[in-house]
Amino acid sequence: MRVRVLANMGAFLSTVSAFIATSNFARCLSSVYRIPRIVVDVGCVLTNTLPTGPYRGAAGRRRITRSSG
């Protein structure tokens, strides 16, 4: 499985925004399935929106759910 993502970081980086968009995204991508090889390319983009941050402890999971559907 190969996944390429451009992550919206918002107007500036918060303390955990890069972690949410990269490490946590890749860790949660396979969900409950056993996938032998996953290649994830993540690009972080600064935009004029609100900064990325955790939401009730579900950091990154909402994005993954939408991208895999």
Protein backbone atom coordinates (compact mmCIF):
# COMPACT_ATOMS: atom_id res chain seq x y z
CA MET A 1 0.00 0.00 0.00
CA ARG A 2 1.37 3.42 -0.95
CA VAL A 3 -0.18 6.59 0.48
CA ARG A 4 0.72 10.19 -0.38
CA VAL A 5 -0.71 12.95 1.79
CA LEU A 6 -0.47 16.74 1.92
CA ALA A 7 -1.26 17.74 5.49
CA ASN A 8 -2.67 21.18 6.27
CA MET A 9 -0.68 22.54 9.23
CA GLY A 10 -2.55 25.83 9.45
CA ALA A 11 -0.99 29.28 9.71
CA PHE A 12 1.77 28.18 12.12
CA LEU A 13 3.07 24.99 13.75
CA SER A 14 1.73 24.10 17.19
CA THR A 15 3.60 21.88 19.63
CA VAL A 16 2.24 18.58 18.29
CA SER A 17 0.98 19.44 14.80
CA ALA A 18 3.85 17.81 12.88
CA PHE A 19 3.53 14.64 14.99
CA ILE A 20 -0.20 14.37 14.27
CA ALA A 21 0.30 14.76 10.53
CA THR A 22 3.23 12.35 10.21
CA SER A 23 3.94 9.73 12.88
CA ASN A 24 0.44 9.34 14.27
CA PHE A 25 -1.10 9.26 10.79
CA ALA A 26 1.24 6.47 9.65
CA ARG A 27 0.77 4.48 12.86
CA CYS A 28 -3.03 4.50 12.63
CA LEU A 29 -3.30 3.96 8.86
CA SER A 30 -3.56 0.17 8.84
CA SER A 31 -6.33 0.20 11.48
CA VAL A 32 -7.16 -3.38 12.51
CA TYR A 33 -5.84 -4.99 9.32
CA ARG A 34 -2.47 -6.69 8.92
CA ILE A 35 -0.80 -5.09 5.90
CA PRO A 36 2.72 -6.37 5.19
CA ARG A 37 4.12 -3.13 3.77
CA ILE A 38 2.85 0.44 3.93
CA VAL A 39 4.76 3.33 2.38
CA VAL A 40 3.62 6.77 3.55
CA ASP A 41 4.82 10.05 2.02
CA VAL A 42 3.58 13.04 4.01
CA GLY A 43 4.10 16.65 3.01
CA CYS A 44 3.26 19.41 5.48
CA VAL A 45 1.82 22.64 4.05
CA LEU A 46 1.38 25.96 5.89
CA THR A 47 -1.90 27.66 4.95
CA ASN A 48 -4.00 30.57 6.22
CA THR A 49 -6.26 28.34 8.39
CA LEU A 50 -6.23 27.48 12.10
CA PRO A 51 -3.26 25.43 13.34
CA THR A 52 -3.58 21.66 13.65
CA GLY A 53 -3.93 20.24 17.17
CA PRO A 54 -5.31 17.21 19.01
CA TYR A 55 -9.07 16.95 19.37
CA ARG A 56 -10.23 14.97 22.42
CA GLY A 57 -7.32 12.54 22.19
CA ALA A 58 -8.20 11.32 18.69
CA ALA A 59 -5.26 13.03 17.00
CA GLY A 60 -5.11 12.18 13.30
CA ARG A 61 -7.71 9.43 13.34
CA ARG A 62 -10.45 11.53 11.76
CA ARG A 63 -8.21 12.27 8.75
CA ILE A 64 -7.33 8.62 8.29
CA THR A 65 -10.97 7.54 8.46
CA ARG A 66 -11.89 10.00 5.71
CA SER A 67 -8.95 9.08 3.45
CA SER A 68 -9.58 5.33 3.63
CA GLY A 69 -13.30 5.48 2.83
